């Protein structure tokens, strides 16, 4: 049960990222968000780390 609480805290910490919030406020549709990610290395790194932590990528 405590593991579940830790997981939700980690998720909240990731969701509270200022850069991601600004990205979502400034862009209205998926195409604009994708374009911004491709141009902004900091946001791309943040999202890449999130995907890697959630095991969406197969292990090498």
C-alpha atoms as a PDB file:
ATOM      1  CA  UNK A   1       0.000   0.000   0.000  1.00  0.00           C
ATOM      2  CA  UNK A   2       2.831   2.418   0.787  1.00  0.00           C
ATOM      3  CA  UNK A   3       4.379   1.543  -2.587  1.00  0.00           C
ATOM      4  CA  UNK A   4       1.201   2.783  -4.250  1.00  0.00           C
ATOM      5  CA  UNK A   5       1.478   6.093  -2.363  1.00  0.00           C
ATOM      6  CA  UNK A   6       5.099   6.527  -3.446  1.00  0.00           C
ATOM      7  CA  UNK A   7       4.143   5.910  -7.056  1.00  0.00           C
ATOM      8  CA  UNK A   8       1.430   8.558  -6.954  1.00  0.00           C
ATOM      9  CA  UNK A   9       3.858  11.058  -5.373  1.00  0.00           C
ATOM     10  CA  UNK A  10       6.399  10.401  -8.132  1.00  0.00           C
ATOM     11  CA  UNK A  11       3.726  10.883 -10.776  1.00  0.00           C
ATOM     12  CA  UNK A  12       2.663  14.184  -9.209  1.00  0.00           C
ATOM     13  CA  UNK A  13       6.269  15.380  -9.157  1.00  0.00           C
ATOM     14  CA  UNK A  14       6.623  14.622 -12.861  1.00  0.00           C
ATOM     15  CA  UNK A  15       3.343  16.338 -13.684  1.00  0.00           C
ATOM     16  CA  UNK A  16       4.361  19.469 -11.799  1.00  0.00           C
ATOM     17  CA  UNK A  17       7.165  20.211 -14.243  1.00  0.00           C
ATOM     18  CA  UNK A  18       7.060  23.910 -15.233  1.00  0.00           C
ATOM     19  CA  UNK A  19       8.254  23.393 -18.804  1.00  0.00           C
ATOM     20  CA  UNK A  20       5.575  20.819 -19.563  1.00  0.00           C
ATOM     21  CA  UNK A  21       2.831  22.997 -18.071  1.00  0.00           C
ATOM     22  CA  UNK A  22       3.957  25.945 -20.198  1.00  0.00           C
ATOM     23  CA  UNK A  23       4.057  23.732 -23.290  1.00  0.00           C
ATOM     24  CA  UNK A  24       0.488  22.570 -22.732  1.00  0.00           C
ATOM     25  CA  UNK A  25      -0.779  26.102 -22.057  1.00  0.00           C
ATOM     26  CA  UNK A  26       0.845  27.607 -25.157  1.00  0.00           C
ATOM     27  CA  UNK A  27      -0.145  24.900 -27.663  1.00  0.00           C
ATOM     28  CA  UNK A  28      -3.675  23.807 -28.426  1.00  0.00           C
ATOM     29  CA  UNK A  29      -3.374  20.723 -30.610  1.00  0.00           C
ATOM     30  CA  UNK A  30      -1.164  17.661 -30.986  1.00  0.00           C
ATOM     31  CA  UNK A  31       0.670  19.000 -34.031  1.00  0.00           C
ATOM     32  CA  UNK A  32       1.737  22.183 -32.229  1.00  0.00           C
ATOM     33  CA  UNK A  33       2.904  20.207 -29.204  1.00  0.00           C
ATOM     34  CA  UNK A  34       4.878  17.773 -31.387  1.00  0.00           C
ATOM     35  CA  UNK A  35       6.519  20.654 -33.250  1.00  0.00           C
ATOM     36  CA  UNK A  36       7.491  22.362 -29.993  1.00  0.00           C
ATOM     37  CA  UNK A  37       8.970  19.115 -28.636  1.00  0.00           C
ATOM     38  CA  UNK A  38      11.043  18.659 -31.789  1.00  0.00           C
ATOM     39  CA  UNK A  39      12.437  22.201 -31.484  1.00  0.00           C
ATOM     40  CA  UNK A  40      12.981  22.317 -27.708  1.00  0.00           C
ATOM     41  CA  UNK A  41      15.707  19.970 -26.457  1.00  0.00           C
ATOM     42  CA  UNK A  42      14.896  20.475 -22.767  1.00  0.00           C
ATOM     43  CA  UNK A  43      11.276  19.396 -23.197  1.00  0.00           C
ATOM     44  CA  UNK A  44      12.318  16.513 -25.448  1.00  0.00           C
ATOM     45  CA  UNK A  45      14.728  15.273 -22.757  1.00  0.00           C
ATOM     46  CA  UNK A  46      12.052  15.494 -20.063  1.00  0.00           C
ATOM     47  CA  UNK A  47       9.551  13.518 -22.127  1.00  0.00           C
ATOM     48  CA  UNK A  48      12.208  11.000 -23.161  1.00  0.00           C
ATOM     49  CA  UNK A  49      13.058  10.367 -19.512  1.00  0.00           C
ATOM     50  CA  UNK A  50       9.385   9.901 -18.668  1.00  0.00           C
ATOM     51  CA  UNK A  51       8.938   7.353 -21.442  1.00  0.00           C
ATOM     52  CA  UNK A  52      12.115   5.508 -20.455  1.00  0.00           C
ATOM     53  CA  UNK A  53      11.010   5.346 -16.812  1.00  0.00           C
ATOM     54  CA  UNK A  54       7.634   3.902 -17.784  1.00  0.00           C
ATOM     55  CA  UNK A  55       9.344   1.108 -19.767  1.00  0.00           C
ATOM     56  CA  UNK A  56       7.816   1.998 -23.121  1.00  0.00           C
ATOM     57  CA  UNK A  57      11.190   1.222 -24.696  1.00  0.00           C
ATOM     58  CA  UNK A  58      12.427  -2.381 -24.818  1.00  0.00           C
ATOM     59  CA  UNK A  59      15.630  -3.113 -22.897  1.00  0.00           C
ATOM     60  CA  UNK A  60      18.755  -3.383 -25.007  1.00  0.00           C
END
